[in-house]
């Protein structure tokens, strides 16, 4: 049975960022799927440890970890430009916003 990693979700003017604290994995262990507006991040990881003595197996341990988290993306998300990276035990998924959804800076309108 797997344990669910801690997740941070942040929003900036330009994008949304989802970060998973998932140390001990390789980037190949992660699977990220997008179906309509639902982003699913999952992991399946199997580790096998063997301790042998004189070619006779004394102990063999399998460790199997898995998790899956699904996120419904808001309409402002530009799902065509989603990117992901894994570094130092943190999986980062960046979801840019559509240009029309970005907050425009305040400005003064001149009077003619």
PDB file of N, CA and C in Angstrom:
ATOM      1  N   UNK A   1       0.844  -1.177   0.000  1.00  0.00           N
ATOM      2  CA  UNK A   1       0.000   0.000   0.000  1.00  0.00           C
ATOM      3  C   UNK A   1       0.883   1.230   0.000  1.00  0.00           C
ATOM      4  N   UNK A   2       0.597   2.176  -0.859  1.00  0.00           N
ATOM      5  CA  UNK A   2       1.429   3.360  -0.979  1.00  0.00           C
ATOM      6  C   UNK A   2       0.984   4.472  -0.051  1.00  0.00           C
ATOM      7  N   UNK A   3       1.876   5.401   0.144  1.00  0.00           N
ATOM      8  CA  UNK A   3       1.527   6.564   0.934  1.00  0.00           C
ATOM      9  C   UNK A   3       1.394   7.749  -0.012  1.00  0.00           C
ATOM     10  N   UNK A   4       0.485   8.632   0.287  1.00  0.00           N
ATOM     11  CA  UNK A   4       0.228   9.791  -0.557  1.00  0.00           C
ATOM     12  C   UNK A   4       1.257  10.873  -0.244  1.00  0.00           C
ATOM     13  N   UNK A   5       1.966  11.359  -1.267  1.00  0.00           N
ATOM     14  CA  UNK A   5       2.957  12.412  -1.011  1.00  0.00           C
ATOM     15  C   UNK A   5       2.279  13.748  -0.725  1.00  0.00           C
ATOM     16  N   UNK A   6       2.994  14.599  -0.015  1.00  0.00           N
ATOM     17  CA  UNK A   6       2.499  15.945   0.239  1.00  0.00           C
ATOM     18  C   UNK A   6       2.474  16.721  -1.073  1.00  0.00           C
ATOM     19  N   UNK A   7       1.460  17.555  -1.242  1.00  0.00           N
ATOM     20  CA  UNK A   7       1.281  18.309  -2.482  1.00  0.00           C
ATOM     21  C   UNK A   7       1.126  19.792  -2.154  1.00  0.00           C
ATOM     22  N   UNK A   8       1.845  20.622  -2.910  1.00  0.00           N
ATOM     23  CA  UNK A   8       1.672  22.077  -2.851  1.00  0.00           C
ATOM     24  C   UNK A   8       1.076  22.526  -4.172  1.00  0.00           C
ATOM     25  N   UNK A   9       0.089  23.415  -4.103  1.00  0.00           N
ATOM     26  CA  UNK A   9      -0.502  23.986  -5.318  1.00  0.00           C
ATOM     27  C   UNK A   9      -0.402  25.495  -5.190  1.00  0.00           C
ATOM     28  N   UNK A  10       0.203  26.118  -6.191  1.00  0.00           N
ATOM     29  CA  UNK A  10       0.381  27.572  -6.164  1.00  0.00           C
ATOM     30  C   UNK A  10      -0.129  28.167  -7.468  1.00  0.00           C
ATOM     31  N   UNK A  11      -0.636  29.381  -7.379  1.00  0.00           N
ATOM     32  CA  UNK A  11      -1.105  30.096  -8.566  1.00  0.00           C
ATOM     33  C   UNK A  11      -0.382  31.429  -8.658  1.00  0.00           C
ATOM     34  N   UNK A  12       0.128  31.717  -9.845  1.00  0.00           N
ATOM     35  CA  UNK A  12       0.714  33.030 -10.102  1.00  0.00           C
ATOM     36  C   UNK A  12      -0.102  33.675 -11.212  1.00  0.00           C
ATOM     37  N   UNK A  13       0.298  34.845 -11.625  1.00  0.00           N
ATOM     38  CA  UNK A  13      -0.401  35.516 -12.718  1.00  0.00           C
ATOM     39  C   UNK A  13      -0.299  34.726 -14.022  1.00  0.00           C
ATOM     40  N   UNK A  14       0.801  34.004 -14.202  1.00  0.00           N
ATOM     41  CA  UNK A  14       1.058  33.315 -15.468  1.00  0.00           C
ATOM     42  C   UNK A  14       0.686  31.836 -15.491  1.00  0.00           C
ATOM     43  N   UNK A  15       0.687  31.181 -14.307  1.00  0.00           N
ATOM     44  CA  UNK A  15       0.482  29.729 -14.333  1.00  0.00           C
ATOM     45  C   UNK A  15       0.027  29.186 -12.986  1.00  0.00           C
ATOM     46  N   UNK A  16      -0.264  27.895 -12.996  1.00  0.00           N
ATOM     47  CA  UNK A  16      -0.506  27.110 -11.786  1.00  0.00           C
ATOM     48  C   UNK A  16       0.673  26.151 -11.666  1.00  0.00           C
ATOM     49  N   UNK A  17       1.102  25.862 -10.437  1.00  0.00           N
ATOM     50  CA  UNK A  17       2.187  24.912 -10.246  1.00  0.00           C
ATOM     51  C   UNK A  17       1.763  23.917  -9.167  1.00  0.00           C
ATOM     52  N   UNK A  18       1.901  22.633  -9.497  1.00  0.00           N
ATOM     53  CA  UNK A  18       1.622  21.561  -8.546  1.00  0.00           C
ATOM     54  C   UNK A  18       2.951  20.879  -8.251  1.00  0.00           C
ATOM     55  N   UNK A  19       3.300  20.770  -6.970  1.00  0.00           N
ATOM     56  CA  UNK A  19       4.557  20.141  -6.575  1.00  0.00           C
ATOM     57  C   UNK A  19       4.268  18.982  -5.631  1.00  0.00           C
ATOM     58  N   UNK A  20       4.859  17.832  -5.938  1.00  0.00           N
ATOM     59  CA  UNK A  20       4.721  16.632  -5.132  1.00  0.00           C
ATOM     60  C   UNK A  20       6.045  16.344  -4.441  1.00  0.00           C
ATOM     61  N   UNK A  21       6.038  16.174  -3.133  1.00  0.00           N
ATOM     62  CA  UNK A  21       7.222  15.742  -2.398  1.00  0.00           C
ATOM     63  C   UNK A  21       7.265  14.223  -2.503  1.00  0.00           C
ATOM     64  N   UNK A  22       8.084  13.712  -3.425  1.00  0.00           N
ATOM     65  CA  UNK A  22       8.115  12.269  -3.704  1.00  0.00           C
ATOM     66  C   UNK A  22       9.554  11.790  -3.867  1.00  0.00           C
ATOM     67  N   UNK A  23      10.341  11.805  -2.778  1.00  0.00           N
ATOM     68  CA  UNK A  23      11.730  11.349  -2.890  1.00  0.00           C
ATOM     69  C   UNK A  23      11.804   9.831  -3.063  1.00  0.00           C
ATOM     70  N   UNK A  24      12.909   9.382  -3.644  1.00  0.00           N
ATOM     71  CA  UNK A  24      13.140   7.954  -3.777  1.00  0.00           C
ATOM     72  C   UNK A  24      12.628   7.350  -5.072  1.00  0.00           C
ATOM     73  N   UNK A  25      12.077   8.165  -5.938  1.00  0.00           N
ATOM     74  CA  UNK A  25      11.579   7.677  -7.219  1.00  0.00           C
ATOM     75  C   UNK A  25      12.505   8.119  -8.344  1.00  0.00           C
ATOM     76  N   UNK A  26      12.300   7.546  -9.520  1.00  0.00           N
ATOM     77  CA  UNK A  26      12.950   8.007 -10.738  1.00  0.00           C
ATOM     78  C   UNK A  26      11.869   8.658 -11.585  1.00  0.00           C
ATOM     79  N   UNK A  27      12.263   9.535 -12.474  1.00  0.00           N
ATOM     80  CA  UNK A  27      11.246  10.216 -13.286  1.00  0.00           C
ATOM     81  C   UNK A  27      10.440   9.227 -14.121  1.00  0.00           C
ATOM     82  N   UNK A  28      11.043   8.062 -14.434  1.00  0.00           N
ATOM     83  CA  UNK A  28      10.337   7.047 -15.212  1.00  0.00           C
ATOM     84  C   UNK A  28       9.203   6.393 -14.421  1.00  0.00           C
ATOM     85  N   UNK A  29       9.209   6.529 -13.082  1.00  0.00           N
ATOM     86  CA  UNK A  29       8.162   5.939 -12.250  1.00  0.00           C
ATOM     87  C   UNK A  29       6.847   6.717 -12.343  1.00  0.00           C
ATOM     88  N   UNK A  30       6.916   7.986 -12.754  1.00  0.00           N
ATOM     89  CA  UNK A  30       5.734   8.841 -12.785  1.00  0.00           C
ATOM     90  C   UNK A  30       4.990   8.727 -14.108  1.00  0.00           C
ATOM     91  N   UNK A  31       3.686   8.883 -14.028  1.00  0.00           N
ATOM     92  CA  UNK A  31       2.844   8.913 -15.217  1.00  0.00           C
ATOM     93  C   UNK A  31       1.885  10.089 -15.041  1.00  0.00           C
ATOM     94  N   UNK A  32       1.844  10.953 -16.048  1.00  0.00           N
ATOM     95  CA  UNK A  32       0.961  12.120 -15.994  1.00  0.00           C
ATOM     96  C   UNK A  32       0.027  12.041 -17.198  1.00  0.00           C
ATOM     97  N   UNK A  33      -1.274  12.017 -16.930  1.00  0.00           N
ATOM     98  CA  UNK A  33      -2.284  11.911 -17.982  1.00  0.00           C
ATOM     99  C   UNK A  33      -3.231  13.091 -17.923  1.00  0.00           C
ATOM    100  N   UNK A  34      -3.711  13.489 -19.082  1.00  0.00           N
ATOM    101  CA  UNK A  34      -4.713  14.548 -19.173  1.00  0.00           C
ATOM    102  C   UNK A  34      -5.888  14.009 -19.973  1.00  0.00           C
ATOM    103  N   UNK A  35      -7.058  13.978 -19.349  1.00  0.00           N
ATOM    104  CA  UNK A  35      -8.277  13.528 -20.018  1.00  0.00           C
ATOM    105  C   UNK A  35      -9.319  14.612 -19.832  1.00  0.00           C
ATOM    106  N   UNK A  36      -9.663  15.268 -20.930  1.00  0.00           N
ATOM    107  CA  UNK A  36     -10.529  16.448 -20.913  1.00  0.00           C
ATOM    108  C   UNK A  36      -9.864  17.493 -20.030  1.00  0.00           C
ATOM    109  N   UNK A  37     -10.455  17.864 -18.914  1.00  0.00           N
ATOM    110  CA  UNK A  37      -9.803  18.870 -18.063  1.00  0.00           C
ATOM    111  C   UNK A  37      -9.363  18.269 -16.730  1.00  0.00           C
ATOM    112  N   UNK A  38      -9.141  16.949 -16.689  1.00  0.00           N
ATOM    113  CA  UNK A  38      -8.673  16.292 -15.462  1.00  0.00           C
ATOM    114  C   UNK A  38      -7.239  15.813 -15.652  1.00  0.00           C
ATOM    115  N   UNK A  39      -6.354  16.331 -14.816  1.00  0.00           N
ATOM    116  CA  UNK A  39      -4.943  15.960 -14.829  1.00  0.00           C
ATOM    117  C   UNK A  39      -4.728  14.917 -13.731  1.00  0.00           C
ATOM    118  N   UNK A  40      -4.183  13.758 -14.109  1.00  0.00           N
ATOM    119  CA  UNK A  40      -3.933  12.686 -13.140  1.00  0.00           C
ATOM    120  C   UNK A  40      -2.440  12.403 -13.082  1.00  0.00           C
ATOM    121  N   UNK A  41      -1.901  12.423 -11.872  1.00  0.00           N
ATOM    122  CA  UNK A  41      -0.495  12.111 -11.641  1.00  0.00           C
ATOM    123  C   UNK A  41      -0.462  10.820 -10.828  1.00  0.00           C
ATOM    124  N   UNK A  42       0.279   9.830 -11.337  1.00  0.00           N
ATOM    125  CA  UNK A  42       0.340   8.555 -10.631  1.00  0.00           C
ATOM    126  C   UNK A  42       1.764   8.007 -10.644  1.00  0.00           C
ATOM    127  N   UNK A  43       2.008   7.066  -9.720  1.00  0.00           N
ATOM    128  CA  UNK A  43       3.301   6.406  -9.602  1.00  0.00           C
ATOM    129  C   UNK A  43       3.059   4.931  -9.351  1.00  0.00           C
ATOM    130  N   UNK A  44       3.848   4.104 -10.018  1.00  0.00           N
ATOM    131  CA  UNK A  44       3.916   2.692  -9.694  1.00  0.00           C
ATOM    132  C   UNK A  44       5.391   2.355  -9.611  1.00  0.00           C
ATOM    133  N   UNK A  45       5.815   1.901  -8.449  1.00  0.00           N
ATOM    134  CA  UNK A  45       7.232   1.659  -8.205  1.00  0.00           C
ATOM    135  C   UNK A  45       7.381   0.350  -7.452  1.00  0.00           C
ATOM    136  N   UNK A  46       8.180  -0.548  -7.992  1.00  0.00           N
ATOM    137  CA  UNK A  46       8.431  -1.822  -7.336  1.00  0.00           C
ATOM    138  C   UNK A  46       9.917  -1.955  -7.087  1.00  0.00           C
ATOM    139  N   UNK A  47      10.259  -2.329  -5.883  1.00  0.00           N
ATOM    140  CA  UNK A  47      11.663  -2.493  -5.510  1.00  0.00           C
ATOM    141  C   UNK A  47      11.838  -3.884  -4.926  1.00  0.00           C
ATOM    142  N   UNK A  48      12.881  -4.540  -5.335  1.00  0.00           N
ATOM    143  CA  UNK A  48      13.138  -5.906  -4.876  1.00  0.00           C
ATOM    144  C   UNK A  48      14.497  -5.950  -4.186  1.00  0.00           C
ATOM    145  N   UNK A  49      14.520  -6.457  -2.963  1.00  0.00           N
ATOM    146  CA  UNK A  49      15.768  -6.616  -2.215  1.00  0.00           C
ATOM    147  C   UNK A  49      15.994  -8.093  -1.978  1.00  0.00           C
ATOM    148  N   UNK A  50      17.191  -8.526  -2.198  1.00  0.00           N
ATOM    149  CA  UNK A  50      17.521  -9.924  -1.937  1.00  0.00           C
ATOM    150  C   UNK A  50      18.777  -9.994  -1.090  1.00  0.00           C
ATOM    151  N   UNK A  51      18.769 -10.900  -0.146  1.00  0.00           N
ATOM    152  CA  UNK A  51      19.960 -11.185   0.639  1.00  0.00           C
ATOM    153  C   UNK A  51      20.256 -12.666   0.420  1.00  0.00           C
ATOM    154  N   UNK A  52      21.426 -12.937  -0.116  1.00  0.00           N
ATOM    155  CA  UNK A  52      21.761 -14.329  -0.437  1.00  0.00           C
ATOM    156  C   UNK A  52      23.005 -14.778   0.315  1.00  0.00           C
ATOM    157  N   UNK A  53      23.025 -16.078   0.592  1.00  0.00           N
ATOM    158  CA  UNK A  53      24.190 -16.678   1.225  1.00  0.00           C
ATOM    159  C   UNK A  53      24.379 -18.050   0.588  1.00  0.00           C
ATOM    160  N   UNK A  54      25.515 -18.266  -0.043  1.00  0.00           N
ATOM    161  CA  UNK A  54      25.817 -19.528  -0.714  1.00  0.00           C
ATOM    162  C   UNK A  54      24.737 -19.924  -1.723  1.00  0.00           C
ATOM    163  N   UNK A  55      24.272 -18.958  -2.500  1.00  0.00           N
ATOM    164  CA  UNK A  55      23.276 -19.168  -3.555  1.00  0.00           C
ATOM    165  C   UNK A  55      21.950 -19.736  -3.048  1.00  0.00           C
ATOM    166  N   UNK A  56      21.734 -19.682  -1.773  1.00  0.00           N
ATOM    167  CA  UNK A  56      20.463 -20.120  -1.209  1.00  0.00           C
ATOM    168  C   UNK A  56      19.748 -18.881  -0.685  1.00  0.00           C
ATOM    169  N   UNK A  57      18.548 -18.610  -1.144  1.00  0.00           N
ATOM    170  CA  UNK A  57      17.864 -17.384  -0.756  1.00  0.00           C
ATOM    171  C   UNK A  57      17.400 -17.496   0.689  1.00  0.00           C
ATOM    172  N   UNK A  58      17.857 -16.556   1.492  1.00  0.00           N
ATOM    173  CA  UNK A  58      17.441 -16.522   2.880  1.00  0.00           C
ATOM    174  C   UNK A  58      16.308 -15.538   3.099  1.00  0.00           C
ATOM    175  N   UNK A  59      16.347 -14.467   2.313  1.00  0.00           N
ATOM    176  CA  UNK A  59      15.322 -13.450   2.501  1.00  0.00           C
ATOM    177  C   UNK A  59      15.151 -12.687   1.202  1.00  0.00           C
ATOM    178  N   UNK A  60      13.926 -12.414   0.836  1.00  0.00           N
ATOM    179  CA  UNK A  60      13.625 -11.615  -0.360  1.00  0.00           C
ATOM    180  C   UNK A  60      12.464 -10.705  -0.006  1.00  0.00           C
ATOM    181  N   UNK A  61      12.632  -9.420  -0.219  1.00  0.00           N
ATOM    182  CA  UNK A  61      11.583  -8.456   0.111  1.00  0.00           C
ATOM    183  C   UNK A  61      11.197  -7.669  -1.126  1.00  0.00           C
ATOM    184  N   UNK A  62       9.911  -7.574  -1.337  1.00  0.00           N
ATOM    185  CA  UNK A  62       9.382  -6.724  -2.398  1.00  0.00           C
ATOM    186  C   UNK A  62       8.716  -5.532  -1.736  1.00  0.00           C
ATOM    187  N   UNK A  63       8.954  -4.378  -2.308  1.00  0.00           N
ATOM    188  CA  UNK A  63       8.284  -3.176  -1.825  1.00  0.00           C
ATOM    189  C   UNK A  63       7.575  -2.564  -3.016  1.00  0.00           C
ATOM    190  N   UNK A  64       6.297  -2.340  -2.880  1.00  0.00           N
ATOM    191  CA  UNK A  64       5.505  -1.816  -3.985  1.00  0.00           C
ATOM    192  C   UNK A  64       4.809  -0.557  -3.512  1.00  0.00           C
ATOM    193  N   UNK A  65       5.094   0.544  -4.150  1.00  0.00           N
ATOM    194  CA  UNK A  65       4.468   1.816  -3.804  1.00  0.00           C
ATOM    195  C   UNK A  65       3.691   2.330  -4.994  1.00  0.00           C
ATOM    196  N   UNK A  66       2.531   2.848  -4.720  1.00  0.00           N
ATOM    197  CA  UNK A  66       1.765   3.478  -5.786  1.00  0.00           C
ATOM    198  C   UNK A  66       0.893   4.568  -5.184  1.00  0.00           C
ATOM    199  N   UNK A  67       0.584   5.561  -5.993  1.00  0.00           N
ATOM    200  CA  UNK A  67      -0.396   6.568  -5.614  1.00  0.00           C
ATOM    201  C   UNK A  67      -0.940   7.187  -6.883  1.00  0.00           C
ATOM    202  N   UNK A  68      -2.068   7.815  -6.748  1.00  0.00           N
ATOM    203  CA  UNK A  68      -2.683   8.516  -7.874  1.00  0.00           C
ATOM    204  C   UNK A  68      -3.459   9.697  -7.322  1.00  0.00           C
ATOM    205  N   UNK A  69      -3.253  10.863  -7.939  1.00  0.00           N
ATOM    206  CA  UNK A  69      -3.990  12.069  -7.560  1.00  0.00           C
ATOM    207  C   UNK A  69      -4.546  12.696  -8.820  1.00  0.00           C
ATOM    208  N   UNK A  70      -5.785  13.131  -8.759  1.00  0.00           N
ATOM    209  CA  UNK A  70      -6.433  13.769  -9.911  1.00  0.00           C
ATOM    210  C   UNK A  70      -6.800  15.203  -9.552  1.00  0.00           C
ATOM    211  N   UNK A  71      -6.617  16.086 -10.532  1.00  0.00           N
ATOM    212  CA  UNK A  71      -6.907  17.506 -10.342  1.00  0.00           C
ATOM    213  C   UNK A  71      -7.758  17.989 -11.510  1.00  0.00           C
ATOM    214  N   UNK A  72      -8.858  18.668 -11.217  1.00  0.00           N
ATOM    215  CA  UNK A  72      -9.680  19.260 -12.269  1.00  0.00           C
ATOM    216  C   UNK A  72      -9.103  20.639 -12.578  1.00  0.00           C
ATOM    217  N   UNK A  73      -8.739  20.840 -13.836  1.00  0.00           N
ATOM    218  CA  UNK A  73      -8.119  22.106 -14.231  1.00  0.00           C
ATOM    219  C   UNK A  73      -9.187  23.167 -14.450  1.00  0.00           C
ATOM    220  N   UNK A  74      -8.904  24.401 -14.069  1.00  0.00           N
ATOM    221  CA  UNK A  74      -9.851  25.487 -14.322  1.00  0.00           C
ATOM    222  C   UNK A  74      -9.856  25.859 -15.805  1.00  0.00           C
ATOM    223  N   UNK A  75     -10.888  26.575 -16.227  1.00  0.00           N
ATOM    224  CA  UNK A  75     -11.002  26.993 -17.628  1.00  0.00           C
ATOM    225  C   UNK A  75      -9.826  27.867 -18.061  1.00  0.00           C
ATOM    226  N   UNK A  76      -9.204  28.555 -17.125  1.00  0.00           N
ATOM    227  CA  UNK A  76      -8.100  29.452 -17.466  1.00  0.00           C
ATOM    228  C   UNK A  76      -6.811  28.700 -17.795  1.00  0.00           C
ATOM    229  N   UNK A  77      -6.759  27.393 -17.537  1.00  0.00           N
ATOM    230  CA  UNK A  77      -5.543  26.607 -17.778  1.00  0.00           C
ATOM    231  C   UNK A  77      -5.362  26.321 -19.264  1.00  0.00           C
ATOM    232  N   UNK A  78      -4.129  26.489 -19.736  1.00  0.00           N
ATOM    233  CA  UNK A  78      -3.777  26.170 -21.120  1.00  0.00           C
ATOM    234  C   UNK A  78      -3.206  24.753 -21.128  1.00  0.00           C
ATOM    235  N   UNK A  79      -4.077  23.770 -21.286  1.00  0.00           N
ATOM    236  CA  UNK A  79      -3.662  22.374 -21.139  1.00  0.00           C
ATOM    237  C   UNK A  79      -2.711  21.915 -22.240  1.00  0.00           C
ATOM    238  N   UNK A  80      -2.630  22.642 -23.355  1.00  0.00           N
ATOM    239  CA  UNK A  80      -1.714  22.268 -24.432  1.00  0.00           C
ATOM    240  C   UNK A  80      -0.250  22.515 -24.075  1.00  0.00           C
ATOM    241  N   UNK A  81       0.011  23.307 -23.049  1.00  0.00           N
ATOM    242  CA  UNK A  81       1.387  23.696 -22.740  1.00  0.00           C
ATOM    243  C   UNK A  81       1.847  23.225 -21.360  1.00  0.00           C
ATOM    244  N   UNK A  82       1.228  22.187 -20.829  1.00  0.00           N
ATOM    245  CA  UNK A  82       1.627  21.661 -19.522  1.00  0.00           C
ATOM    246  C   UNK A  82       3.021  21.044 -19.628  1.00  0.00           C
ATOM    247  N   UNK A  83       3.848  21.285 -18.611  1.00  0.00           N
ATOM    248  CA  UNK A  83       5.187  20.698 -18.572  1.00  0.00           C
ATOM    249  C   UNK A  83       5.435  20.126 -17.182  1.00  0.00           C
ATOM    250  N   UNK A  84       6.413  19.216 -17.087  1.00  0.00           N
ATOM    251  CA  UNK A  84       6.723  18.601 -15.800  1.00  0.00           C
ATOM    252  C   UNK A  84       8.214  18.339 -15.700  1.00  0.00           C
ATOM    253  N   UNK A  85       8.725  18.358 -14.462  1.00  0.00           N
ATOM    254  CA  UNK A  85      10.126  18.023 -14.215  1.00  0.00           C
ATOM    255  C   UNK A  85      10.223  17.353 -12.851  1.00  0.00           C
ATOM    256  N   UNK A  86      11.283  16.559 -12.667  1.00  0.00           N
ATOM    257  CA  UNK A  86      11.518  15.877 -11.394  1.00  0.00           C
ATOM    258  C   UNK A  86      12.959  16.128 -10.984  1.00  0.00           C
ATOM    259  N   UNK A  87      13.140  16.747  -9.826  1.00  0.00           N
ATOM    260  CA  UNK A  87      14.482  17.089  -9.361  1.00  0.00           C
ATOM    261  C   UNK A  87      14.497  17.098  -7.838  1.00  0.00           C
ATOM    262  N   UNK A  88      15.546  16.534  -7.253  1.00  0.00           N
ATOM    263  CA  UNK A  88      15.743  16.529  -5.797  1.00  0.00           C
ATOM    264  C   UNK A  88      14.524  16.031  -5.035  1.00  0.00           C
ATOM    265  N   UNK A  89      13.851  15.000  -5.571  1.00  0.00           N
ATOM    266  CA  UNK A  89      12.716  14.402  -4.873  1.00  0.00           C
ATOM    267  C   UNK A  89      11.408  15.158  -4.997  1.00  0.00           C
ATOM    268  N   UNK A  90      11.360  16.162  -5.864  1.00  0.00           N
ATOM    269  CA  UNK A  90      10.137  16.939  -6.046  1.00  0.00           C
ATOM    270  C   UNK A  90       9.704  16.883  -7.512  1.00  0.00           C
ATOM    271  N   UNK A  91       8.476  16.425  -7.740  1.00  0.00           N
ATOM    272  CA  UNK A  91       7.884  16.451  -9.073  1.00  0.00           C
ATOM    273  C   UNK A  91       7.126  17.763  -9.207  1.00  0.00           C
ATOM    274  N   UNK A  92       7.480  18.570 -10.209  1.00  0.00           N
ATOM    275  CA  UNK A  92       6.816  19.857 -10.453  1.00  0.00           C
ATOM    276  C   UNK A  92       6.060  19.790 -11.764  1.00  0.00           C
ATOM    277  N   UNK A  93       4.780  20.118 -11.715  1.00  0.00           N
ATOM    278  CA  UNK A  93       3.947  20.187 -12.910  1.00  0.00           C
ATOM    279  C   UNK A  93       3.506  21.638 -13.065  1.00  0.00           C
ATOM    280  N   UNK A  94       3.837  22.225 -14.214  1.00  0.00           N
ATOM    281  CA  UNK A  94       3.500  23.621 -14.473  1.00  0.00           C
ATOM    282  C   UNK A  94       2.393  23.676 -15.523  1.00  0.00           C
ATOM    283  N   UNK A  95       1.328  24.397 -15.186  1.00  0.00           N
ATOM    284  CA  UNK A  95       0.171  24.524 -16.065  1.00  0.00           C
ATOM    285  C   UNK A  95       0.005  26.005 -16.392  1.00  0.00           C
ATOM    286  N   UNK A  96       0.433  26.428 -17.583  1.00  0.00           N
ATOM    287  CA  UNK A  96       0.299  27.843 -17.940  1.00  0.00           C
ATOM    288  C   UNK A  96      -1.161  28.253 -18.066  1.00  0.00           C
ATOM    289  N   UNK A  97      -1.400  29.541 -17.913  1.00  0.00           N
ATOM    290  CA  UNK A  97      -2.742  30.082 -18.128  1.00  0.00           C
ATOM    291  C   UNK A  97      -2.848  30.590 -19.558  1.00  0.00           C
ATOM    292  N   UNK A  98      -4.077  30.607 -20.083  1.00  0.00           N
ATOM    293  CA  UNK A  98      -4.321  31.237 -21.376  1.00  0.00           C
ATOM    294  C   UNK A  98      -4.008  32.727 -21.242  1.00  0.00           C
ATOM    295  N   UNK A  99      -3.526  33.325 -22.311  1.00  0.00           N
ATOM    296  CA  UNK A  99      -3.197  34.759 -22.266  1.00  0.00           C
ATOM    297  C   UNK A  99      -4.393  35.598 -21.844  1.00  0.00           C
ATOM    298  N   UNK A 100      -5.587  35.203 -22.260  1.00  0.00           N
ATOM    299  CA  UNK A 100      -6.782  35.984 -21.930  1.00  0.00           C
ATOM    300  C   UNK A 100      -7.131  35.886 -20.445  1.00  0.00           C
ATOM    301  N   UNK A 101      -6.604  34.879 -19.746  1.00  0.00           N
ATOM    302  CA  UNK A 101      -6.910  34.696 -18.330  1.00  0.00           C
ATOM    303  C   UNK A 101      -5.928  35.421 -17.418  1.00  0.00           C
ATOM    304  N   UNK A 102      -4.828  35.890 -17.976  1.00  0.00           N
ATOM    305  CA  UNK A 102      -3.821  36.559 -17.157  1.00  0.00           C
ATOM    306  C   UNK A 102      -4.323  37.943 -16.739  1.00  0.00           C
ATOM    307  N   UNK A 103      -4.044  38.288 -15.504  1.00  0.00           N
ATOM    308  CA  UNK A 103      -4.437  39.591 -14.996  1.00  0.00           C
ATOM    309  C   UNK A 103      -3.561  40.659 -15.629  1.00  0.00           C
ATOM    310  N   UNK A 104      -4.208  41.646 -16.172  1.00  0.00           N
ATOM    311  CA  UNK A 104      -3.446  42.730 -16.788  1.00  0.00           C
ATOM    312  C   UNK A 104      -3.118  43.779 -15.723  1.00  0.00           C
ATOM    313  N   UNK A 105      -1.933  44.391 -15.816  1.00  0.00           N
ATOM    314  CA  UNK A 105      -1.567  45.389 -14.804  1.00  0.00           C
ATOM    315  C   UNK A 105      -2.481  46.616 -14.889  1.00  0.00           C
ATOM    316  N   UNK A 106      -2.633  47.272 -13.762  1.00  0.00           N
ATOM    317  CA  UNK A 106      -3.453  48.487 -13.705  1.00  0.00           C
ATOM    318  C   UNK A 106      -2.795  49.559 -14.569  1.00  0.00           C
ATOM    319  N   UNK A 107      -3.602  50.326 -15.240  1.00  0.00           N
ATOM    320  CA  UNK A 107      -3.071  51.422 -16.047  1.00  0.00           C
ATOM    321  C   UNK A 107      -4.057  52.575 -16.019  1.00  0.00           C
ATOM    322  N   UNK A 108      -3.559  53.728 -16.374  1.00  0.00           N
ATOM    323  CA  UNK A 108      -4.400  54.915 -16.394  1.00  0.00           C
ATOM    324  C   UNK A 108      -4.844  55.170 -17.821  1.00  0.00           C
ATOM    325  N   UNK A 109      -6.088  55.502 -17.965  1.00  0.00           N
ATOM    326  CA  UNK A 109      -6.657  55.794 -19.291  1.00  0.00           C
ATOM    327  C   UNK A 109      -6.607  57.298 -19.501  1.00  0.00           C
ATOM    328  N   UNK A 110      -5.990  57.708 -20.608  1.00  0.00           N
ATOM    329  CA  UNK A 110      -5.906  59.145 -20.878  1.00  0.00           C
ATOM    330  C   UNK A 110      -7.233  59.629 -21.470  1.00  0.00           C
ATOM    331  N   UNK A 111      -7.572  60.838 -21.167  1.00  0.00           N
ATOM    332  CA  UNK A 111      -8.820  61.444 -21.631  1.00  0.00           C
ATOM    333  C   UNK A 111      -8.504  62.322 -22.833  1.00  0.00           C
ATOM    334  N   UNK A 112      -9.255  62.126 -23.913  1.00  0.00           N
ATOM    335  CA  UNK A 112      -9.019  62.918 -25.131  1.00  0.00           C
ATOM    336  C   UNK A 112      -9.895  64.137 -25.173  1.00  0.00           C
TER     337      UNK A 112
END
